[in-house]
PDB file of all heavy atoms in Angstrom:
ATOM      1  N   PHE A   1       0.441   2.266  20.700  1.00  0.00           N
ATOM      2  CA  PHE A   1      -0.793   2.134  19.918  1.00  0.00           C
ATOM      3  C   PHE A   1      -0.667   0.923  19.002  1.00  0.00           C
ATOM      4  O   PHE A   1       0.435   0.459  18.696  1.00  0.00           O
ATOM      5  CB  PHE A   1      -1.068   3.394  19.088  1.00  0.00           C
ATOM      6  CG  PHE A   1       0.004   3.706  18.077  1.00  0.00           C
ATOM      7  CD1 PHE A   1      -0.090   3.246  16.776  1.00  0.00           C
ATOM      8  CD2 PHE A   1       1.104   4.465  18.432  1.00  0.00           C
ATOM      9  CE1 PHE A   1       0.883   3.533  15.837  1.00  0.00           C
ATOM     10  CE2 PHE A   1       2.087   4.757  17.507  1.00  0.00           C
ATOM     11  CZ  PHE A   1       1.984   4.292  16.207  1.00  0.00           C
ATOM     12  N   ASP A   2      -1.804   0.408  18.584  1.00  0.00           N
ATOM     13  CA  ASP A   2      -1.872  -0.735  17.665  1.00  0.00           C
ATOM     14  C   ASP A   2      -2.116  -0.249  16.248  1.00  0.00           C
ATOM     15  O   ASP A   2      -2.744   0.793  16.025  1.00  0.00           O
ATOM     16  CB  ASP A   2      -2.976  -1.702  18.091  1.00  0.00           C
ATOM     17  CG  ASP A   2      -2.712  -2.318  19.452  1.00  0.00           C
ATOM     18  OD1 ASP A   2      -1.530  -2.500  19.794  1.00  0.00           O
ATOM     19  OD2 ASP A   2      -3.694  -2.599  20.174  1.00  0.00           O
ATOM     20  N   SER A   3      -1.654  -1.023  15.294  1.00  0.00           N
ATOM     21  CA  SER A   3      -1.801  -0.689  13.882  1.00  0.00           C
ATOM     22  C   SER A   3      -2.404  -1.890  13.154  1.00  0.00           C
ATOM     23  O   SER A   3      -1.744  -2.910  12.979  1.00  0.00           O
ATOM     24  CB  SER A   3      -0.442  -0.311  13.277  1.00  0.00           C
ATOM     25  OG  SER A   3      -0.574   0.017  11.919  1.00  0.00           O
ATOM     26  N   TYR A   4      -3.675  -1.746  12.758  1.00  0.00           N
ATOM     27  CA  TYR A   4      -4.398  -2.818  12.077  1.00  0.00           C
ATOM     28  C   TYR A   4      -4.585  -2.453  10.600  1.00  0.00           C
ATOM     29  O   TYR A   4      -4.696  -1.275  10.248  1.00  0.00           O
ATOM     30  CB  TYR A   4      -5.777  -3.037  12.706  1.00  0.00           C
ATOM     31  CG  TYR A   4      -5.746  -3.661  14.076  1.00  0.00           C
ATOM     32  CD1 TYR A   4      -5.645  -2.860  15.214  1.00  0.00           C
ATOM     33  CD2 TYR A   4      -5.844  -5.038  14.242  1.00  0.00           C
ATOM     34  CE1 TYR A   4      -5.634  -3.418  16.488  1.00  0.00           C
ATOM     35  CE2 TYR A   4      -5.834  -5.606  15.509  1.00  0.00           C
ATOM     36  CZ  TYR A   4      -5.722  -4.801  16.619  1.00  0.00           C
ATOM     37  OH  TYR A   4      -5.704  -5.357  17.868  1.00  0.00           O
ATOM     38  N   THR A   5      -4.643  -3.463   9.760  1.00  0.00           N
ATOM     39  CA  THR A   5      -4.957  -3.233   8.358  1.00  0.00           C
ATOM     40  C   THR A   5      -6.399  -2.774   8.212  1.00  0.00           C
ATOM     41  O   THR A   5      -7.281  -3.216   8.962  1.00  0.00           O
ATOM     42  CB  THR A   5      -4.720  -4.502   7.530  1.00  0.00           C
ATOM     43  OG1 THR A   5      -5.035  -4.239   6.160  1.00  0.00           O
ATOM     44  CG2 THR A   5      -5.588  -5.645   8.012  1.00  0.00           C
ATOM     45  N   ILE A   6      -6.650  -1.881   7.268  1.00  0.00           N
ATOM     46  CA  ILE A   6      -8.003  -1.388   7.025  1.00  0.00           C
ATOM     47  C   ILE A   6      -8.740  -2.392   6.138  1.00  0.00           C
ATOM     48  O   ILE A   6      -8.239  -2.762   5.077  1.00  0.00           O
ATOM     49  CB  ILE A   6      -7.966  -0.006   6.346  1.00  0.00           C
ATOM     50  CG1 ILE A   6      -7.296   1.022   7.271  1.00  0.00           C
ATOM     51  CG2 ILE A   6      -9.367   0.455   5.977  1.00  0.00           C
ATOM     52  CD1 ILE A   6      -7.217   2.409   6.687  1.00  0.00           C
ATOM     53  N   PRO A   7      -9.904  -2.866   6.559  1.00  0.00           N
ATOM     54  CA  PRO A   7     -10.663  -3.819   5.727  1.00  0.00           C
ATOM     55  C   PRO A   7     -10.967  -3.227   4.356  1.00  0.00           C
ATOM     56  O   PRO A   7     -11.059  -2.010   4.181  1.00  0.00           O
ATOM     57  CB  PRO A   7     -11.942  -4.068   6.541  1.00  0.00           C
ATOM     58  CG  PRO A   7     -11.580  -3.702   7.939  1.00  0.00           C
ATOM     59  CD  PRO A   7     -10.577  -2.596   7.840  1.00  0.00           C
ATOM     60  N   GLU A   8     -11.124  -4.109   3.398  1.00  0.00           N
ATOM     61  CA  GLU A   8     -11.348  -3.671   2.023  1.00  0.00           C
ATOM     62  C   GLU A   8     -12.614  -2.837   1.888  1.00  0.00           C
ATOM     63  O   GLU A   8     -12.664  -1.891   1.085  1.00  0.00           O
ATOM     64  CB  GLU A   8     -11.411  -4.896   1.107  1.00  0.00           C
ATOM     65  CG  GLU A   8     -11.493  -4.571  -0.372  1.00  0.00           C
ATOM     66  CD  GLU A   8     -11.410  -5.816  -1.240  1.00  0.00           C
ATOM     67  OE1 GLU A   8     -11.227  -6.917  -0.676  1.00  0.00           O
ATOM     68  OE2 GLU A   8     -11.547  -5.681  -2.471  1.00  0.00           O
ATOM     69  N   ASP A   9     -13.636  -3.140   2.661  1.00  0.00           N
ATOM     70  CA  ASP A   9     -14.894  -2.403   2.568  1.00  0.00           C
ATOM     71  C   ASP A   9     -14.778  -0.984   3.115  1.00  0.00           C
ATOM     72  O   ASP A   9     -15.612  -0.129   2.803  1.00  0.00           O
ATOM     73  CB  ASP A   9     -16.000  -3.155   3.315  1.00  0.00           C
ATOM     74  CG  ASP A   9     -16.293  -4.512   2.693  1.00  0.00           C
ATOM     75  OD1 ASP A   9     -15.997  -4.679   1.484  1.00  0.00           O
ATOM     76  OD2 ASP A   9     -16.793  -5.392   3.407  1.00  0.00           O
ATOM     77  N   ASP A  10     -13.751  -0.717   3.936  1.00  0.00           N
ATOM     78  CA  ASP A  10     -13.601   0.600   4.566  1.00  0.00           C
ATOM     79  C   ASP A  10     -12.568   1.471   3.865  1.00  0.00           C
ATOM     80  O   ASP A  10     -12.290   2.583   4.332  1.00  0.00           O
ATOM     81  CB  ASP A  10     -13.212   0.437   6.039  1.00  0.00           C
ATOM     82  CG  ASP A  10     -14.284  -0.290   6.836  1.00  0.00           C
ATOM     83  OD1 ASP A  10     -15.457  -0.235   6.421  1.00  0.00           O
ATOM     84  OD2 ASP A  10     -13.940  -0.911   7.865  1.00  0.00           O
ATOM     85  N   LEU A  11     -11.980   0.992   2.795  1.00  0.00           N
ATOM     86  CA  LEU A  11     -10.952   1.764   2.103  1.00  0.00           C
ATOM     87  C   LEU A  11     -11.549   2.994   1.433  1.00  0.00           C
ATOM     88  O   LEU A  11     -12.655   2.952   0.887  1.00  0.00           O
ATOM     89  CB  LEU A  11     -10.250   0.897   1.051  1.00  0.00           C
ATOM     90  CG  LEU A  11      -9.341  -0.215   1.565  1.00  0.00           C
ATOM     91  CD1 LEU A  11      -8.833  -1.051   0.395  1.00  0.00           C
ATOM     92  CD2 LEU A  11      -8.167   0.358   2.356  1.00  0.00           C
ATOM     93  N   GLU A  12     -10.805   4.093   1.461  1.00  0.00           N
ATOM     94  CA  GLU A  12     -11.195   5.305   0.768  1.00  0.00           C
ATOM     95  C   GLU A  12     -10.510   5.371  -0.590  1.00  0.00           C
ATOM     96  O   GLU A  12      -9.580   4.605  -0.876  1.00  0.00           O
ATOM     97  CB  GLU A  12     -10.829   6.531   1.614  1.00  0.00           C
ATOM     98  CG  GLU A  12     -11.536   6.579   2.963  1.00  0.00           C
ATOM     99  CD  GLU A  12     -11.134   7.800   3.771  1.00  0.00           C
ATOM    100  OE1 GLU A  12     -10.280   8.574   3.273  1.00  0.00           O
ATOM    101  OE2 GLU A  12     -11.658   7.962   4.887  1.00  0.00           O
ATOM    102  N   LEU A  13     -10.959   6.293  -1.412  1.00  0.00           N
ATOM    103  CA  LEU A  13     -10.408   6.435  -2.748  1.00  0.00           C
ATOM    104  C   LEU A  13      -8.919   6.786  -2.675  1.00  0.00           C
ATOM    105  O   LEU A  13      -8.522   7.726  -1.992  1.00  0.00           O
ATOM    106  CB  LEU A  13     -11.166   7.524  -3.525  1.00  0.00           C
ATOM    107  CG  LEU A  13     -10.756   7.706  -4.992  1.00  0.00           C
ATOM    108  CD1 LEU A  13     -11.071   6.451  -5.799  1.00  0.00           C
ATOM    109  CD2 LEU A  13     -11.465   8.924  -5.588  1.00  0.00           C
ATOM    110  N   GLY A  14      -8.104   6.010  -3.376  1.00  0.00           N
ATOM    111  CA  GLY A  14      -6.665   6.234  -3.386  1.00  0.00           C
ATOM    112  C   GLY A  14      -5.893   5.360  -2.423  1.00  0.00           C
ATOM    113  O   GLY A  14      -4.661   5.284  -2.519  1.00  0.00           O
ATOM    114  N   GLN A  15      -6.561   4.693  -1.471  1.00  0.00           N
ATOM    115  CA  GLN A  15      -5.874   3.820  -0.530  1.00  0.00           C
ATOM    116  C   GLN A  15      -5.659   2.445  -1.141  1.00  0.00           C
ATOM    117  O   GLN A  15      -6.492   1.952  -1.900  1.00  0.00           O
ATOM    118  CB  GLN A  15      -6.669   3.694   0.770  1.00  0.00           C
ATOM    119  CG  GLN A  15      -6.718   4.977   1.568  1.00  0.00           C
ATOM    120  CD  GLN A  15      -7.460   4.809   2.878  1.00  0.00           C
ATOM    121  OE1 GLN A  15      -8.331   3.943   3.022  1.00  0.00           O
ATOM    122  NE2 GLN A  15      -7.133   5.638   3.853  1.00  0.00           N
ATOM    123  N   SER A  16      -4.544   1.842  -0.806  1.00  0.00           N
ATOM    124  CA  SER A  16      -4.152   0.563  -1.390  1.00  0.00           C
ATOM    125  C   SER A  16      -4.704  -0.595  -0.571  1.00  0.00           C
ATOM    126  O   SER A  16      -4.628  -0.583   0.664  1.00  0.00           O
ATOM    127  CB  SER A  16      -2.622   0.465  -1.479  1.00  0.00           C
ATOM    128  OG  SER A  16      -2.100   1.503  -2.277  1.00  0.00           O
ATOM    129  N   ARG A  17      -5.211  -1.588  -1.268  1.00  0.00           N
ATOM    130  CA  ARG A  17      -5.755  -2.778  -0.617  1.00  0.00           C
ATOM    131  C   ARG A  17      -4.634  -3.584   0.030  1.00  0.00           C
ATOM    132  O   ARG A  17      -3.567  -3.800  -0.557  1.00  0.00           O
ATOM    133  CB  ARG A  17      -6.495  -3.637  -1.643  1.00  0.00           C
ATOM    134  CG  ARG A  17      -7.019  -4.958  -1.115  1.00  0.00           C
ATOM    135  CD  ARG A  17      -7.766  -5.711  -2.184  1.00  0.00           C
ATOM    136  NE  ARG A  17      -8.177  -7.023  -1.748  1.00  0.00           N
ATOM    137  CZ  ARG A  17      -7.436  -8.121  -1.912  1.00  0.00           C
ATOM    138  NH1 ARG A  17      -6.271  -8.041  -2.522  1.00  0.00           N
ATOM    139  NH2 ARG A  17      -7.870  -9.295  -1.481  1.00  0.00           N
ATOM    140  N   LEU A  18      -4.860  -4.008   1.273  1.00  0.00           N
ATOM    141  CA  LEU A  18      -3.926  -4.818   2.058  1.00  0.00           C
ATOM    142  C   LEU A  18      -2.622  -4.084   2.391  1.00  0.00           C
ATOM    143  O   LEU A  18      -1.663  -4.702   2.842  1.00  0.00           O
ATOM    144  CB  LEU A  18      -3.578  -6.138   1.346  1.00  0.00           C
ATOM    145  CG  LEU A  18      -4.740  -7.093   1.068  1.00  0.00           C
ATOM    146  CD1 LEU A  18      -4.225  -8.376   0.430  1.00  0.00           C
ATOM    147  CD2 LEU A  18      -5.500  -7.408   2.342  1.00  0.00           C
ATOM    148  N   LEU A  19      -2.566  -2.771   2.159  1.00  0.00           N
ATOM    149  CA  LEU A  19      -1.365  -2.008   2.482  1.00  0.00           C
ATOM    150  C   LEU A  19      -1.644  -0.864   3.450  1.00  0.00           C
ATOM    151  O   LEU A  19      -0.705  -0.375   4.091  1.00  0.00           O
ATOM    152  CB  LEU A  19      -0.721  -1.435   1.203  1.00  0.00           C
ATOM    153  CG  LEU A  19       0.005  -2.411   0.294  1.00  0.00           C
ATOM    154  CD1 LEU A  19       0.553  -1.686  -0.928  1.00  0.00           C
ATOM    155  CD2 LEU A  19       1.141  -3.114   1.025  1.00  0.00           C
ATOM    156  N   GLU A  20      -2.878  -0.441   3.557  1.00  0.00           N
ATOM    157  CA  GLU A  20      -3.200   0.716   4.392  1.00  0.00           C
ATOM    158  C   GLU A  20      -3.576   0.262   5.799  1.00  0.00           C
ATOM    159  O   GLU A  20      -4.178  -0.805   5.982  1.00  0.00           O
ATOM    160  CB  GLU A  20      -4.346   1.499   3.768  1.00  0.00           C
ATOM    161  CG  GLU A  20      -4.526   2.882   4.382  1.00  0.00           C
ATOM    162  CD  GLU A  20      -3.275   3.734   4.265  1.00  0.00           C
ATOM    163  OE1 GLU A  20      -2.906   4.106   3.145  1.00  0.00           O
ATOM    164  OE2 GLU A  20      -2.662   4.006   5.329  1.00  0.00           O
ATOM    165  N   VAL A  21      -3.188   1.072   6.796  1.00  0.00           N
ATOM    166  CA  VAL A  21      -3.480   0.760   8.193  1.00  0.00           C
ATOM    167  C   VAL A  21      -4.229   1.927   8.823  1.00  0.00           C
ATOM    168  O   VAL A  21      -4.256   3.039   8.296  1.00  0.00           O
ATOM    169  CB  VAL A  21      -2.184   0.482   8.981  1.00  0.00           C
ATOM    170  CG1 VAL A  21      -1.475  -0.745   8.436  1.00  0.00           C
ATOM    171  CG2 VAL A  21      -1.259   1.689   8.946  1.00  0.00           C
ATOM    172  N   ASP A  22      -4.830   1.660   9.997  1.00  0.00           N
ATOM    173  CA  ASP A  22      -5.570   2.714  10.679  1.00  0.00           C
ATOM    174  C   ASP A  22      -4.652   3.681  11.414  1.00  0.00           C
ATOM    175  O   ASP A  22      -4.952   4.870  11.529  1.00  0.00           O
ATOM    176  CB  ASP A  22      -6.587   2.099  11.643  1.00  0.00           C
ATOM    177  CG  ASP A  22      -5.946   1.107  12.610  1.00  0.00           C
ATOM    178  OD1 ASP A  22      -4.719   0.850  12.500  1.00  0.00           O
ATOM    179  OD2 ASP A  22      -6.678   0.586  13.471  1.00  0.00           O
ATOM    180  N   ASN A  23      -3.527   3.196  11.928  1.00  0.00           N
ATOM    181  CA  ASN A  23      -2.569   4.049  12.636  1.00  0.00           C
ATOM    182  C   ASN A  23      -1.183   3.858  12.035  1.00  0.00           C
ATOM    183  O   ASN A  23      -0.614   2.761  12.104  1.00  0.00           O
ATOM    184  CB  ASN A  23      -2.533   3.705  14.132  1.00  0.00           C
ATOM    185  CG  ASN A  23      -3.842   4.020  14.817  1.00  0.00           C
ATOM    186  OD1 ASN A  23      -4.474   5.034  14.530  1.00  0.00           O
ATOM    187  ND2 ASN A  23      -4.256   3.141  15.718  1.00  0.00           N
ATOM    188  N   ARG A  24      -0.657   4.899  11.436  1.00  0.00           N
ATOM    189  CA  ARG A  24       0.663   4.822  10.809  1.00  0.00           C
ATOM    190  C   ARG A  24       1.772   5.121  11.810  1.00  0.00           C
ATOM    191  O   ARG A  24       1.542   5.797  12.816  1.00  0.00           O
ATOM    192  CB  ARG A  24       0.752   5.811   9.644  1.00  0.00           C
ATOM    193  CG  ARG A  24      -0.219   5.538   8.500  1.00  0.00           C
ATOM    194  CD  ARG A  24      -0.185   6.663   7.487  1.00  0.00           C
ATOM    195  NE  ARG A  24      -1.005   6.374   6.314  1.00  0.00           N
ATOM    196  CZ  ARG A  24      -1.206   7.226   5.321  1.00  0.00           C
ATOM    197  NH1 ARG A  24      -0.654   8.432   5.360  1.00  0.00           N
ATOM    198  NH2 ARG A  24      -1.960   6.888   4.288  1.00  0.00           N
ATOM    199  N   VAL A  25       2.962   4.631  11.495  1.00  0.00           N
ATOM    200  CA  VAL A  25       4.150   4.978  12.269  1.00  0.00           C
ATOM    201  C   VAL A  25       4.619   6.345  11.800  1.00  0.00           C
ATOM    202  O   VAL A  25       4.943   6.530  10.623  1.00  0.00           O
ATOM    203  CB  VAL A  25       5.266   3.935  12.090  1.00  0.00           C
ATOM    204  CG1 VAL A  25       6.450   4.282  12.970  1.00  0.00           C
ATOM    205  CG2 VAL A  25       4.753   2.546  12.410  1.00  0.00           C
ATOM    206  N   VAL A  26       4.672   7.303  12.691  1.00  0.00           N
ATOM    207  CA  VAL A  26       5.055   8.674  12.358  1.00  0.00           C
ATOM    208  C   VAL A  26       6.486   8.899  12.800  1.00  0.00           C
ATOM    209  O   VAL A  26       6.836   8.669  13.964  1.00  0.00           O
ATOM    210  CB  VAL A  26       4.107   9.683  13.034  1.00  0.00           C
ATOM    211  CG1 VAL A  26       4.515  11.108  12.684  1.00  0.00           C
ATOM    212  CG2 VAL A  26       2.670   9.420  12.611  1.00  0.00           C
ATOM    213  N   VAL A  27       7.329   9.360  11.866  1.00  0.00           N
ATOM    214  CA  VAL A  27       8.744   9.591  12.159  1.00  0.00           C
ATOM    215  C   VAL A  27       9.162  10.937  11.579  1.00  0.00           C
ATOM    216  O   VAL A  27       8.568  11.419  10.611  1.00  0.00           O
ATOM    217  CB  VAL A  27       9.641   8.473  11.579  1.00  0.00           C
ATOM    218  CG1 VAL A  27       9.284   7.127  12.190  1.00  0.00           C
ATOM    219  CG2 VAL A  27       9.541   8.422  10.065  1.00  0.00           C
ATOM    220  N   PRO A  28      10.190  11.568  12.147  1.00  0.00           N
ATOM    221  CA  PRO A  28      10.713  12.813  11.577  1.00  0.00           C
ATOM    222  C   PRO A  28      11.751  12.517  10.504  1.00  0.00           C
ATOM    223  O   PRO A  28      12.399  11.467  10.510  1.00  0.00           O
ATOM    224  CB  PRO A  28      11.349  13.510  12.782  1.00  0.00           C
ATOM    225  CG  PRO A  28      11.775  12.374  13.668  1.00  0.00           C
ATOM    226  CD  PRO A  28      10.769  11.274  13.461  1.00  0.00           C
ATOM    227  N   THR A  29      11.918  13.433   9.584  1.00  0.00           N
ATOM    228  CA  THR A  29      12.914  13.273   8.522  1.00  0.00           C
ATOM    229  C   THR A  29      14.278  13.768   8.994  1.00  0.00           C
ATOM    230  O   THR A  29      14.375  14.592   9.916  1.00  0.00           O
ATOM    231  CB  THR A  29      12.507  14.057   7.267  1.00  0.00           C
ATOM    232  OG1 THR A  29      12.369  15.448   7.604  1.00  0.00           O
ATOM    233  CG2 THR A  29      11.192  13.545   6.722  1.00  0.00           C
ATOM    234  N   LYS A  30      15.310  13.239   8.352  1.00  0.00           N
ATOM    235  CA  LYS A  30      16.699  13.646   8.603  1.00  0.00           C
ATOM    236  C   LYS A  30      17.043  13.579  10.083  1.00  0.00           C
ATOM    237  O   LYS A  30      17.642  14.483  10.653  1.00  0.00           O
ATOM    238  CB  LYS A  30      16.955  15.047   8.040  1.00  0.00           C
ATOM    239  CG  LYS A  30      16.757  15.126   6.526  1.00  0.00           C
ATOM    240  CD  LYS A  30      17.039  16.503   5.988  1.00  0.00           C
ATOM    241  CE  LYS A  30      16.840  16.521   4.461  1.00  0.00           C
ATOM    242  NZ  LYS A  30      17.089  17.848   3.876  1.00  0.00           N
ATOM    243  N   THR A  31      16.634  12.471  10.687  1.00  0.00           N
ATOM    244  CA  THR A  31      16.879  12.223  12.113  1.00  0.00           C
ATOM    245  C   THR A  31      17.312  10.779  12.279  1.00  0.00           C
ATOM    246  O   THR A  31      16.759   9.878  11.645  1.00  0.00           O
ATOM    247  CB  THR A  31      15.601  12.478  12.940  1.00  0.00           C
ATOM    248  OG1 THR A  31      15.139  13.811  12.697  1.00  0.00           O
ATOM    249  CG2 THR A  31      15.876  12.299  14.424  1.00  0.00           C
ATOM    250  N   HIS A  32      18.295  10.551  13.126  1.00  0.00           N
ATOM    251  CA  HIS A  32      18.764   9.191  13.388  1.00  0.00           C
ATOM    252  C   HIS A  32      17.734   8.456  14.244  1.00  0.00           C
ATOM    253  O   HIS A  32      17.454   8.852  15.377  1.00  0.00           O
ATOM    254  CB  HIS A  32      20.121   9.201  14.090  1.00  0.00           C
ATOM    255  CG  HIS A  32      21.245   9.620  13.194  1.00  0.00           C
ATOM    256  ND1 HIS A  32      21.653   8.860  12.120  1.00  0.00           N
ATOM    257  CD2 HIS A  32      22.035  10.721  13.203  1.00  0.00           C
ATOM    258  CE1 HIS A  32      22.654   9.456  11.510  1.00  0.00           C
ATOM    259  NE2 HIS A  32      22.907  10.588  12.131  1.00  0.00           N
ATOM    260  N   LEU A  33      17.180   7.388  13.680  1.00  0.00           N
ATOM    261  CA  LEU A  33      16.149   6.613  14.355  1.00  0.00           C
ATOM    262  C   LEU A  33      16.664   5.214  14.654  1.00  0.00           C
ATOM    263  O   LEU A  33      17.391   4.622  13.854  1.00  0.00           O
ATOM    264  CB  LEU A  33      14.890   6.511  13.478  1.00  0.00           C
ATOM    265  CG  LEU A  33      14.317   7.812  12.930  1.00  0.00           C
ATOM    266  CD1 LEU A  33      13.159   7.520  11.990  1.00  0.00           C
ATOM    267  CD2 LEU A  33      13.867   8.726  14.055  1.00  0.00           C
ATOM    268  N   ARG A  34      16.258   4.697  15.790  1.00  0.00           N
ATOM    269  CA  ARG A  34      16.540   3.306  16.140  1.00  0.00           C
ATOM    270  C   ARG A  34      15.215   2.565  16.245  1.00  0.00           C
ATOM    271  O   ARG A  34      14.345   2.957  17.010  1.00  0.00           O
ATOM    272  CB  ARG A  34      17.315   3.201  17.452  1.00  0.00           C
ATOM    273  CG  ARG A  34      17.537   1.746  17.895  1.00  0.00           C
ATOM    274  CD  ARG A  34      18.413   1.685  19.124  1.00  0.00           C
ATOM    275  NE  ARG A  34      17.820   2.411  20.245  1.00  0.00           N
ATOM    276  CZ  ARG A  34      18.442   2.608  21.408  1.00  0.00           C
ATOM    277  NH1 ARG A  34      19.659   2.157  21.580  1.00  0.00           N
ATOM    278  NH2 ARG A  34      17.835   3.287  22.378  1.00  0.00           N
ATOM    279  N   ILE A  35      15.087   1.494  15.467  1.00  0.00           N
ATOM    280  CA  ILE A  35      13.872   0.684  15.480  1.00  0.00           C
ATOM    281  C   ILE A  35      14.202  -0.662  16.108  1.00  0.00           C
ATOM    282  O   ILE A  35      15.090  -1.374  15.628  1.00  0.00           O
ATOM    283  CB  ILE A  35      13.311   0.500  14.062  1.00  0.00           C
ATOM    284  CG1 ILE A  35      12.967   1.861  13.452  1.00  0.00           C
ATOM    285  CG2 ILE A  35      12.067  -0.382  14.098  1.00  0.00           C
ATOM    286  CD1 ILE A  35      12.455   1.780  12.033  1.00  0.00           C
ATOM    287  N   ILE A  36      13.500  -0.984  17.177  1.00  0.00           N
ATOM    288  CA  ILE A  36      13.667  -2.259  17.877  1.00  0.00           C
ATOM    289  C   ILE A  36      12.436  -3.112  17.604  1.00  0.00           C
ATOM    290  O   ILE A  36      11.304  -2.638  17.749  1.00  0.00           O
ATOM    291  CB  ILE A  36      13.856  -2.045  19.388  1.00  0.00           C
ATOM    292  CG1 ILE A  36      15.083  -1.170  19.652  1.00  0.00           C
ATOM    293  CG2 ILE A  36      13.983  -3.374  20.116  1.00  0.00           C
ATOM    294  CD1 ILE A  36      15.274  -0.823  21.113  1.00  0.00           C
ATOM    295  N   VAL A  37      12.652  -4.336  17.200  1.00  0.00           N
ATOM    296  CA  VAL A  37      11.530  -5.216  16.860  1.00  0.00           C
ATOM    297  C   VAL A  37      11.597  -6.488  17.680  1.00  0.00           C
ATOM    298  O   VAL A  37      12.678  -6.994  18.012  1.00  0.00           O
ATOM    299  CB  VAL A  37      11.524  -5.562  15.350  1.00  0.00           C
ATOM    300  CG1 VAL A  37      11.284  -4.327  14.515  1.00  0.00           C
ATOM    301  CG2 VAL A  37      12.817  -6.221  14.941  1.00  0.00           C
ATOM    302  N   THR A  38      10.422  -7.004  18.007  1.00  0.00           N
ATOM    303  CA  THR A  38      10.299  -8.278  18.714  1.00  0.00           C
ATOM    304  C   THR A  38       8.876  -8.790  18.511  1.00  0.00           C
ATOM    305  O   THR A  38       7.958  -7.986  18.326  1.00  0.00           O
ATOM    306  CB  THR A  38      10.604  -8.115  20.225  1.00  0.00           C
ATOM    307  OG1 THR A  38      10.652  -9.404  20.847  1.00  0.00           O
ATOM    308  CG2 THR A  38       9.548  -7.275  20.903  1.00  0.00           C
ATOM    309  N   PRO A  39       8.661 -10.100  18.523  1.00  0.00           N
ATOM    310  CA  PRO A  39       7.292 -10.623  18.368  1.00  0.00           C
ATOM    311  C   PRO A  39       6.650 -10.926  19.713  1.00  0.00           C
ATOM    312  O   PRO A  39       7.333 -11.115  20.719  1.00  0.00           O
ATOM    313  CB  PRO A  39       7.519 -11.895  17.552  1.00  0.00           C
ATOM    314  CG  PRO A  39       8.843 -12.394  18.044  1.00  0.00           C
ATOM    315  CD  PRO A  39       9.661 -11.173  18.406  1.00  0.00           C
TER     316      PRO A  39
END
C-alpha cells in the first residue's frame, strides 16, 4: 500500500500538519522487526 501525507485542508482535529498520513505502518509490539528500505 502507499502512504501519502494528508493535505492541510483535510486534517481532522488533533492531527499534525505535514506529519499525518492516510495509511500508517502497522507493527506489533515486543516483536523483532526487520525494516528494509530502498528508493
